[in-house]
Amino acid sequence: MDITVLVKQVPNTAEIRIDPVKNTLIRDGVPSIINPDDKAGLEEALKLKDQFGATITVVSMGPPQAQLALREALAMGADRAILVSDRKFGGADTLATSTTLVAALKQLKSDLIIAGRQAIDGDTAQVGPQVAEMLDIPQVSYVQKLHYDGKQTLQIQRLVEDGYYELEVDFPCLITVLAEANKPRYMHIHNLVDVFSREIEIWDFERIKPDVNQIGLTGSPTKVKKSYTKGVKQSGKIVEAANAEEAAEAIVTKLQELFMI
C-alpha cells in the first residue's frame, strides 16, 4: 500500500497575538507545529503501516523552514518526505494551493491520500476536498474512525452535526481526518538520532510544472481586503424577575430602549 499524507506547518495559534495597528498575526517568536488535524492523519497512516505494511510519503507545500515539520513526520515513522517549495507558489489561496499540490501528487503513486480536516491558521477545510476533485478520486471528509479490511476497502465513520455516517470507500481515494480521531505517537527515539541526516526532497516549479496562471497569487481568486479583531462586548446586566411575565416585560423594555421600538 502506498499512502501519501499531506501536512502543513502552522504557527501555534495558542501563542499568536494580533497587531492592533495592522490587524495581522504577529508570528515573530511564535513556534511552528504540524497542523493537529494533519498529525492525526499521519497517525492513521502509521497505524495502517503497523498492521498491514505500507510506504508513507509526507508532502508539504511551504517555505524552506517547513522541512522541520517533515523531519518530525519522518521521526514518527514516515518513509519519504517531499517539500513543494518555490517563490512562484507564494501568496496562494486554497485553490492555488490545491492546484500546486495536485501537480506534485500526479507524480506519486498513491493508493490512499490522507489530509487533515482543516488547518488551524485558516480553518477553511477546502484543500483536501479540492485535491480529490482535481484528481477525480472518491473522498470522505471528517473521518473520526477508520477500519481497513486488508484488501481494497476502507470502512469509515464520518462525523456529522447530529451523529455519524458509516461509509465504505475503495482505493484509490482521499480522506480528511479530525484531530480527535486519535492520539498521535511521539517521535521514535531511534529515528531522532538520524532524522537530520535523511533527505528532504525539494520539488520546485520546474520539477512539477503546474500551470503558471493557476498557482501563487496570480492563480488565487480569493483576496483578503481587510482583517480585524473581534470587538470586546460590554458586560451584560442581570435582571431579577419573580416570574416569566416579569422577565418577558424586562426584555421587551430593554429592546425598546436599545432599538427605539
C-alpha atoms as a PDB file:
ATOM      1  CA  MET A   1       0.000   0.000   0.000  1.00  0.00           C
ATOM      2  CA  ASP A   2       1.277   3.452  -0.926  1.00  0.00           C
ATOM      3  CA  ILE A   3      -0.023   6.205   1.346  1.00  0.00           C
ATOM      4  CA  THR A   4       0.556   9.922   0.840  1.00  0.00           C
ATOM      5  CA  VAL A   5      -0.079  12.248   3.771  1.00  0.00           C
ATOM      6  CA  LEU A   6      -0.488  15.989   3.260  1.00  0.00           C
ATOM      7  CA  VAL A   7       0.885  18.035   6.143  1.00  0.00           C
ATOM      8  CA  LYS A   8       1.185  21.746   6.795  1.00  0.00           C
ATOM      9  CA  GLN A   9       3.475  23.629   9.148  1.00  0.00           C
ATOM     10  CA  VAL A  10       1.392  26.216  11.009  1.00  0.00           C
ATOM     11  CA  PRO A  11       2.007  28.730  13.816  1.00  0.00           C
ATOM     12  CA  ASN A  12       0.875  27.541  17.211  1.00  0.00           C
ATOM     13  CA  THR A  13      -2.349  29.543  17.439  1.00  0.00           C
ATOM     14  CA  ALA A  14      -2.402  29.191  21.223  1.00  0.00           C
ATOM     15  CA  GLU A  15       0.526  31.640  21.310  1.00  0.00           C
ATOM     16  CA  ILE A  16      -0.439  34.025  18.497  1.00  0.00           C
ATOM     17  CA  ARG A  17      -1.054  37.708  19.120  1.00  0.00           C
ATOM     18  CA  ILE A  18      -2.699  40.338  16.882  1.00  0.00           C
ATOM     19  CA  ASP A  19      -1.001  43.564  15.815  1.00  0.00           C
ATOM     20  CA  PRO A  20      -3.517  46.214  16.981  1.00  0.00           C
ATOM     21  CA  VAL A  21      -2.494  48.641  14.223  1.00  0.00           C
ATOM     22  CA  LYS A  22      -2.131  46.360  11.177  1.00  0.00           C
ATOM     23  CA  ASN A  23      -4.686  43.790  12.397  1.00  0.00           C
ATOM     24  CA  THR A  24      -2.365  40.990  11.261  1.00  0.00           C
ATOM     25  CA  LEU A  25      -0.920  37.972  13.032  1.00  0.00           C
ATOM     26  CA  ILE A  26       2.329  38.569  14.910  1.00  0.00           C
ATOM     27  CA  ARG A  27       4.329  35.454  14.031  1.00  0.00           C
ATOM     28  CA  ASP A  28       7.675  36.565  15.462  1.00  0.00           C
ATOM     29  CA  GLY A  29       8.625  34.335  18.348  1.00  0.00           C
ATOM     30  CA  VAL A  30       5.656  32.026  17.770  1.00  0.00           C
ATOM     31  CA  PRO A  31       6.699  28.357  17.457  1.00  0.00           C
ATOM     32  CA  SER A  32       5.562  26.378  14.418  1.00  0.00           C
ATOM     33  CA  ILE A  33       3.968  22.943  14.667  1.00  0.00           C
ATOM     34  CA  ILE A  34       2.476  20.283  12.414  1.00  0.00           C
ATOM     35  CA  ASN A  35      -1.174  21.136  11.942  1.00  0.00           C
ATOM     36  CA  PRO A  36      -3.073  18.982  14.518  1.00  0.00           C
ATOM     37  CA  ASP A  37      -5.574  17.503  12.038  1.00  0.00           C
ATOM     38  CA  ASP A  38      -2.701  16.616   9.678  1.00  0.00           C
ATOM     39  CA  LYS A  39      -0.813  14.952  12.520  1.00  0.00           C
ATOM     40  CA  ALA A  40      -3.873  12.838  13.289  1.00  0.00           C
ATOM     41  CA  GLY A  41      -3.972  11.905   9.604  1.00  0.00           C
ATOM     42  CA  LEU A  42      -0.316  10.857   9.755  1.00  0.00           C
ATOM     43  CA  GLU A  43      -1.094   8.700  12.771  1.00  0.00           C
ATOM     44  CA  GLU A  44      -3.843   6.925  10.790  1.00  0.00           C
ATOM     45  CA  ALA A  45      -1.299   6.194   8.063  1.00  0.00           C
ATOM     46  CA  LEU A  46       1.218   4.899  10.604  1.00  0.00           C
ATOM     47  CA  LYS A  47      -1.395   2.597  12.159  1.00  0.00           C
ATOM     48  CA  LEU A  48      -2.134   1.112   8.735  1.00  0.00           C
ATOM     49  CA  LYS A  49       1.611   0.653   8.197  1.00  0.00           C
ATOM     50  CA  ASP A  50       1.937  -1.110  11.563  1.00  0.00           C
ATOM     51  CA  GLN A  51      -0.915  -3.504  10.790  1.00  0.00           C
ATOM     52  CA  PHE A  52      -0.598  -4.186   7.071  1.00  0.00           C
ATOM     53  CA  GLY A  53       2.674  -2.715   5.865  1.00  0.00           C
ATOM     54  CA  ALA A  54       2.772   0.452   3.761  1.00  0.00           C
ATOM     55  CA  THR A  55       5.086   3.053   2.318  1.00  0.00           C
ATOM     56  CA  ILE A  56       4.257   6.508   3.677  1.00  0.00           C
ATOM     57  CA  THR A  57       5.210   9.671   1.816  1.00  0.00           C
ATOM     58  CA  VAL A  58       4.589  13.005   3.522  1.00  0.00           C
ATOM     59  CA  VAL A  59       4.120  16.045   1.290  1.00  0.00           C
ATOM     60  CA  SER A  60       4.063  19.669   2.399  1.00  0.00           C
ATOM     61  CA  MET A  61       3.867  22.934   0.491  1.00  0.00           C
ATOM     62  CA  GLY A  62       5.616  25.856   2.109  1.00  0.00           C
ATOM     63  CA  PRO A  63       8.845  27.797   2.657  1.00  0.00           C
ATOM     64  CA  PRO A  64      12.168  26.055   3.427  1.00  0.00           C
ATOM     65  CA  GLN A  65      11.543  26.093   7.195  1.00  0.00           C
ATOM     66  CA  ALA A  66       8.663  23.644   6.668  1.00  0.00           C
ATOM     67  CA  GLN A  67      11.359  20.982   6.425  1.00  0.00           C
ATOM     68  CA  LEU A  68      11.259  20.839  10.225  1.00  0.00           C
ATOM     69  CA  ALA A  69       7.676  19.588  10.132  1.00  0.00           C
ATOM     70  CA  LEU A  70       8.649  16.971   7.559  1.00  0.00           C
ATOM     71  CA  ARG A  71      11.573  15.801   9.684  1.00  0.00           C
ATOM     72  CA  GLU A  72       9.205  15.372  12.615  1.00  0.00           C
ATOM     73  CA  ALA A  73       6.986  13.238  10.369  1.00  0.00           C
ATOM     74  CA  LEU A  74       9.997  11.135   9.391  1.00  0.00           C
ATOM     75  CA  ALA A  75      10.898  10.694  13.055  1.00  0.00           C
ATOM     76  CA  MET A  76       7.361   9.478  13.729  1.00  0.00           C
ATOM     77  CA  GLY A  77       7.765   6.762  11.106  1.00  0.00           C
ATOM     78  CA  ALA A  78       7.159   8.166   7.604  1.00  0.00           C
ATOM     79  CA  ASP A  79       9.395   6.773   4.857  1.00  0.00           C
ATOM     80  CA  ARG A  80       9.773   9.686   2.456  1.00  0.00           C
ATOM     81  CA  ALA A  81       9.378  13.466   2.693  1.00  0.00           C
ATOM     82  CA  ILE A  82       8.756  15.973  -0.102  1.00  0.00           C
ATOM     83  CA  LEU A  83       8.646  19.754   0.274  1.00  0.00           C
ATOM     84  CA  VAL A  84       6.887  21.564  -2.578  1.00  0.00           C
ATOM     85  CA  SER A  85       8.558  24.949  -2.433  1.00  0.00           C
ATOM     86  CA  ASP A  86       9.174  27.804  -4.863  1.00  0.00           C
ATOM     87  CA  ARG A  87       8.690  31.569  -4.756  1.00  0.00           C
ATOM     88  CA  LYS A  88       6.224  31.177  -7.621  1.00  0.00           C
ATOM     89  CA  PHE A  89       3.923  29.282  -5.247  1.00  0.00           C
ATOM     90  CA  GLY A  90       3.790  32.173  -2.744  1.00  0.00           C
ATOM     91  CA  GLY A  91       0.563  34.025  -1.957  1.00  0.00           C
ATOM     92  CA  ALA A  92      -1.616  31.040  -2.872  1.00  0.00           C
ATOM     93  CA  ASP A  93      -5.161  30.702  -1.590  1.00  0.00           C
ATOM     94  CA  THR A  94      -6.686  27.242  -1.090  1.00  0.00           C
ATOM     95  CA  LEU A  95      -7.479  26.757  -4.798  1.00  0.00           C
ATOM     96  CA  ALA A  96      -3.977  27.668  -5.975  1.00  0.00           C
ATOM     97  CA  THR A  97      -2.506  25.569  -3.156  1.00  0.00           C
ATOM     98  CA  SER A  98      -4.586  22.558  -4.208  1.00  0.00           C
ATOM     99  CA  THR A  99      -3.584  23.049  -7.853  1.00  0.00           C
ATOM    100  CA  THR A 100       0.086  23.069  -6.890  1.00  0.00           C
ATOM    101  CA  LEU A 101      -0.222  20.012  -4.653  1.00  0.00           C
ATOM    102  CA  VAL A 102      -2.082  18.095  -7.364  1.00  0.00           C
ATOM    103  CA  ALA A 103       0.761  18.761  -9.824  1.00  0.00           C
ATOM    104  CA  ALA A 104       3.070  17.072  -7.314  1.00  0.00           C
ATOM    105  CA  LEU A 105       0.678  14.256  -6.380  1.00  0.00           C
ATOM    106  CA  LYS A 106       0.257  13.237 -10.018  1.00  0.00           C
ATOM    107  CA  GLN A 107       3.922  12.245  -9.955  1.00  0.00           C
ATOM    108  CA  LEU A 108       3.414   9.920  -6.992  1.00  0.00           C
ATOM    109  CA  LYS A 109       1.784   6.520  -6.747  1.00  0.00           C
ATOM    110  CA  SER A 110      -0.915   6.768  -4.063  1.00  0.00           C
ATOM    111  CA  ASP A 111      -3.497   4.181  -3.097  1.00  0.00           C
ATOM    112  CA  LEU A 112      -4.644   6.427  -0.267  1.00  0.00           C
ATOM    113  CA  ILE A 113      -4.177  10.173   0.255  1.00  0.00           C
ATOM    114  CA  ILE A 114      -4.741  11.428   3.800  1.00  0.00           C
ATOM    115  CA  ALA A 115      -5.126  15.074   4.779  1.00  0.00           C
ATOM    116  CA  GLY A 116      -6.261  16.810   7.926  1.00  0.00           C
ATOM    117  CA  ARG A 117      -9.788  18.179   8.042  1.00  0.00           C
ATOM    118  CA  GLN A 118      -8.512  21.775   8.090  1.00  0.00           C
ATOM    119  CA  ALA A 119      -5.552  23.920   9.105  1.00  0.00           C
ATOM    120  CA  ILE A 120      -5.759  25.912  12.323  1.00  0.00           C
ATOM    121  CA  ASP A 121      -4.356  29.036  10.630  1.00  0.00           C
ATOM    122  CA  GLY A 122      -7.137  29.166   8.044  1.00  0.00           C
ATOM    123  CA  ASP A 123      -9.992  26.840   9.095  1.00  0.00           C
ATOM    124  CA  THR A 124     -11.303  26.551   5.524  1.00  0.00           C
ATOM    125  CA  ALA A 125     -11.367  22.716   5.209  1.00  0.00           C
ATOM    126  CA  GLN A 126     -11.064  23.177   1.437  1.00  0.00           C
ATOM    127  CA  VAL A 127      -7.684  21.823   0.327  1.00  0.00           C
ATOM    128  CA  GLY A 128      -8.360  18.110   0.887  1.00  0.00           C
ATOM    129  CA  PRO A 129     -11.693  18.053  -0.987  1.00  0.00           C
ATOM    130  CA  GLN A 130     -10.310  20.255  -3.788  1.00  0.00           C
ATOM    131  CA  VAL A 131      -7.360  17.909  -4.274  1.00  0.00           C
ATOM    132  CA  ALA A 132      -9.715  14.912  -4.529  1.00  0.00           C
ATOM    133  CA  GLU A 133     -11.899  16.706  -7.075  1.00  0.00           C
ATOM    134  CA  MET A 134      -8.922  17.677  -9.220  1.00  0.00           C
ATOM    135  CA  LEU A 135      -7.578  14.105  -9.115  1.00  0.00           C
ATOM    136  CA  ASP A 136     -11.089  12.765  -9.811  1.00  0.00           C
ATOM    137  CA  ILE A 137     -10.992  10.238  -6.967  1.00  0.00           C
ATOM    138  CA  PRO A 138     -13.558   9.459  -4.224  1.00  0.00           C
ATOM    139  CA  GLN A 139     -13.283  11.411  -0.987  1.00  0.00           C
ATOM    140  CA  VAL A 140     -14.604  11.155   2.568  1.00  0.00           C
ATOM    141  CA  SER A 141     -14.176  14.132   4.902  1.00  0.00           C
ATOM    142  CA  TYR A 142     -14.498  14.493   8.686  1.00  0.00           C
ATOM    143  CA  VAL A 143     -13.232  10.973   9.386  1.00  0.00           C
ATOM    144  CA  GLN A 144     -13.263  10.081  13.085  1.00  0.00           C
ATOM    145  CA  LYS A 145     -12.741   6.303  12.835  1.00  0.00           C
ATOM    146  CA  LEU A 146     -11.173   4.074  10.209  1.00  0.00           C
ATOM    147  CA  HIS A 147     -11.006   0.320   9.588  1.00  0.00           C
ATOM    148  CA  TYR A 148      -9.272  -1.451   6.696  1.00  0.00           C
ATOM    149  CA  ASP A 149     -10.284  -4.926   5.501  1.00  0.00           C
ATOM    150  CA  GLY A 150      -6.746  -5.709   4.370  1.00  0.00           C
ATOM    151  CA  LYS A 151      -7.736  -5.816   0.698  1.00  0.00           C
ATOM    152  CA  GLN A 152      -9.275  -2.843  -1.067  1.00  0.00           C
ATOM    153  CA  THR A 153     -11.939  -1.233   1.122  1.00  0.00           C
ATOM    154  CA  LEU A 154     -11.944   1.246   3.999  1.00  0.00           C
ATOM    155  CA  GLN A 155     -14.807   1.258   6.497  1.00  0.00           C
ATOM    156  CA  ILE A 156     -15.183   4.816   7.740  1.00  0.00           C
ATOM    157  CA  GLN A 157     -17.092   6.588  10.467  1.00  0.00           C
ATOM    158  CA  ARG A 158     -17.724  10.163   9.290  1.00  0.00           C
ATOM    159  CA  LEU A 159     -18.740  12.767  11.840  1.00  0.00           C
ATOM    160  CA  VAL A 160     -21.784  14.932  11.099  1.00  0.00           C
ATOM    161  CA  GLU A 161     -23.591  17.515  13.209  1.00  0.00           C
ATOM    162  CA  ASP A 162     -26.086  15.158  14.848  1.00  0.00           C
ATOM    163  CA  GLY A 163     -24.163  11.863  14.797  1.00  0.00           C
ATOM    164  CA  TYR A 164     -22.096   9.986  12.226  1.00  0.00           C
ATOM    165  CA  TYR A 165     -22.345   8.138   8.926  1.00  0.00           C
ATOM    166  CA  GLU A 166     -20.853   4.691   8.323  1.00  0.00           C
ATOM    167  CA  LEU A 167     -19.387   4.530   4.822  1.00  0.00           C
ATOM    168  CA  GLU A 168     -17.242   2.287   2.652  1.00  0.00           C
ATOM    169  CA  VAL A 169     -14.786   3.511   0.027  1.00  0.00           C
ATOM    170  CA  ASP A 170     -12.351   1.678  -2.250  1.00  0.00           C
ATOM    171  CA  PHE A 171      -8.826   2.664  -3.241  1.00  0.00           C
ATOM    172  CA  PRO A 172      -7.663   4.992  -4.683  1.00  0.00           C
ATOM    173  CA  CYS A 173      -9.324   7.630  -2.516  1.00  0.00           C
ATOM    174  CA  LEU A 174      -8.714  10.639  -0.289  1.00  0.00           C
ATOM    175  CA  ILE A 175      -9.851  11.113   3.302  1.00  0.00           C
ATOM    176  CA  THR A 176      -9.638  14.071   5.678  1.00  0.00           C
ATOM    177  CA  VAL A 177      -9.164  13.247   9.340  1.00  0.00           C
ATOM    178  CA  LEU A 178     -10.262  15.002  12.522  1.00  0.00           C
ATOM    179  CA  ALA A 179      -7.700  15.829  15.216  1.00  0.00           C
ATOM    180  CA  GLU A 180      -9.945  13.978  17.691  1.00  0.00           C
ATOM    181  CA  ALA A 181      -9.694  10.747  15.682  1.00  0.00           C
ATOM    182  CA  ASN A 182      -6.625   9.524  17.565  1.00  0.00           C
ATOM    183  CA  LYS A 183      -3.651  10.484  19.695  1.00  0.00           C
ATOM    184  CA  PRO A 184      -0.535  10.837  17.510  1.00  0.00           C
ATOM    185  CA  ARG A 185       2.511   8.929  18.673  1.00  0.00           C
ATOM    186  CA  TYR A 186       5.729  10.564  19.791  1.00  0.00           C
ATOM    187  CA  MET A 187       8.776  10.638  17.554  1.00  0.00           C
ATOM    188  CA  HIS A 188      10.712   7.378  17.839  1.00  0.00           C
ATOM    189  CA  ILE A 189      13.944   7.735  19.788  1.00  0.00           C
ATOM    190  CA  HIS A 190      15.948   5.740  17.214  1.00  0.00           C
ATOM    191  CA  ASN A 191      14.636   7.897  14.377  1.00  0.00           C
ATOM    192  CA  LEU A 192      15.615  11.077  16.219  1.00  0.00           C
ATOM    193  CA  VAL A 193      19.264  10.029  16.039  1.00  0.00           C
ATOM    194  CA  ASP A 194      19.491  10.211  12.249  1.00  0.00           C
ATOM    195  CA  VAL A 195      16.463  12.245  11.157  1.00  0.00           C
ATOM    196  CA  PHE A 196      18.550  15.309  10.271  1.00  0.00           C
ATOM    197  CA  SER A 197      20.763  13.229   8.003  1.00  0.00           C
ATOM    198  CA  ARG A 198      17.811  11.986   5.967  1.00  0.00           C
ATOM    199  CA  GLU A 199      16.925  13.618   2.663  1.00  0.00           C
ATOM    200  CA  ILE A 200      14.046  16.033   2.264  1.00  0.00           C
ATOM    201  CA  GLU A 201      13.224  16.185  -1.438  1.00  0.00           C
ATOM    202  CA  ILE A 202      12.610  19.744  -2.658  1.00  0.00           C
ATOM    203  CA  TRP A 203      10.204  19.899  -5.575  1.00  0.00           C
ATOM    204  CA  ASP A 204      10.211  23.338  -7.191  1.00  0.00           C
ATOM    205  CA  PHE A 205       8.253  24.802 -10.119  1.00  0.00           C
ATOM    206  CA  GLU A 206      10.441  23.125 -12.731  1.00  0.00           C
ATOM    207  CA  ARG A 207      10.080  19.750 -11.014  1.00  0.00           C
ATOM    208  CA  ILE A 208       6.258  19.651 -11.032  1.00  0.00           C
ATOM    209  CA  LYS A 209       5.477  22.151 -13.840  1.00  0.00           C
ATOM    210  CA  PRO A 210       1.984  23.375 -12.854  1.00  0.00           C
ATOM    211  CA  ASP A 211       0.121  25.939 -14.972  1.00  0.00           C
ATOM    212  CA  VAL A 212       1.778  29.232 -14.002  1.00  0.00           C
ATOM    213  CA  ASN A 213      -1.557  31.053 -14.345  1.00  0.00           C
ATOM    214  CA  GLN A 214      -3.243  28.825 -11.753  1.00  0.00           C
ATOM    215  CA  ILE A 215      -0.725  28.990  -8.918  1.00  0.00           C
ATOM    216  CA  GLY A 216       0.532  31.522  -6.405  1.00  0.00           C
ATOM    217  CA  LEU A 217      -1.033  34.946  -6.098  1.00  0.00           C
ATOM    218  CA  THR A 218      -1.912  35.087  -9.809  1.00  0.00           C
ATOM    219  CA  GLY A 219      -3.951  31.904  -9.635  1.00  0.00           C
ATOM    220  CA  SER A 220      -5.760  32.806  -6.417  1.00  0.00           C
ATOM    221  CA  PRO A 221      -9.333  34.067  -6.881  1.00  0.00           C
ATOM    222  CA  THR A 222      -9.624  34.801  -3.157  1.00  0.00           C
ATOM    223  CA  LYS A 223      -8.245  38.142  -1.992  1.00  0.00           C
ATOM    224  CA  VAL A 224      -8.107  39.360   1.622  1.00  0.00           C
ATOM    225  CA  LYS A 225      -9.105  43.034   1.604  1.00  0.00           C
ATOM    226  CA  LYS A 226      -9.147  43.610   5.348  1.00  0.00           C
ATOM    227  CA  SER A 227      -8.701  41.741   8.609  1.00  0.00           C
ATOM    228  CA  TYR A 228      -9.659  42.886  12.068  1.00  0.00           C
ATOM    229  CA  THR A 229     -10.056  41.599  15.590  1.00  0.00           C
ATOM    230  CA  LYS A 230     -13.420  40.912  17.110  1.00  0.00           C
ATOM    231  CA  GLY A 231     -14.592  43.783  19.300  1.00  0.00           C
ATOM    232  CA  VAL A 232     -14.933  43.339  23.042  1.00  0.00           C
ATOM    233  CA  LYS A 233     -18.531  43.153  24.225  1.00  0.00           C
ATOM    234  CA  GLN A 234     -19.758  45.058  27.253  1.00  0.00           C
ATOM    235  CA  SER A 235     -20.713  43.008  30.265  1.00  0.00           C
ATOM    236  CA  GLY A 236     -24.383  42.103  30.477  1.00  0.00           C
ATOM    237  CA  LYS A 237     -26.883  43.175  33.113  1.00  0.00           C
ATOM    238  CA  ILE A 238     -28.618  40.678  35.357  1.00  0.00           C
ATOM    239  CA  VAL A 239     -32.293  41.359  35.965  1.00  0.00           C
ATOM    240  CA  GLU A 240     -34.110  39.504  38.714  1.00  0.00           C
ATOM    241  CA  ALA A 241     -37.735  38.624  37.952  1.00  0.00           C
ATOM    242  CA  ALA A 242     -40.342  36.923  40.112  1.00  0.00           C
ATOM    243  CA  ASN A 243     -41.909  35.084  37.182  1.00  0.00           C
ATOM    244  CA  ALA A 244     -41.848  34.606  33.413  1.00  0.00           C
ATOM    245  CA  GLU A 245     -44.140  37.558  32.779  1.00  0.00           C
ATOM    246  CA  GLU A 246     -41.829  39.979  34.615  1.00  0.00           C
ATOM    247  CA  ALA A 247     -38.816  38.560  32.772  1.00  0.00           C
ATOM    248  CA  ALA A 248     -40.515  38.995  29.394  1.00  0.00           C
ATOM    249  CA  GLU A 249     -41.532  42.564  30.268  1.00  0.00           C
ATOM    250  CA  ALA A 250     -37.951  43.408  31.255  1.00  0.00           C
ATOM    251  CA  ILE A 251     -36.633  42.041  27.966  1.00  0.00           C
ATOM    252  CA  VAL A 252     -39.184  43.971  25.908  1.00  0.00           C
ATOM    253  CA  THR A 253     -38.417  47.179  27.790  1.00  0.00           C
ATOM    254  CA  LYS A 254     -34.700  46.780  27.150  1.00  0.00           C
ATOM    255  CA  LEU A 255     -35.240  46.103  23.449  1.00  0.00           C
ATOM    256  CA  GLN A 256     -37.385  49.239  23.217  1.00  0.00           C
ATOM    257  CA  GLU A 257     -34.594  51.281  24.817  1.00  0.00           C
ATOM    258  CA  LEU A 258     -31.924  49.891  22.511  1.00  0.00           C
ATOM    259  CA  PHE A 259     -33.753  49.891  19.201  1.00  0.00           C
ATOM    260  CA  MET A 260     -36.336  52.683  19.718  1.00  0.00           C
ATOM    261  CA  ILE A 261     -39.192  50.240  19.108  1.00  0.00           C
END
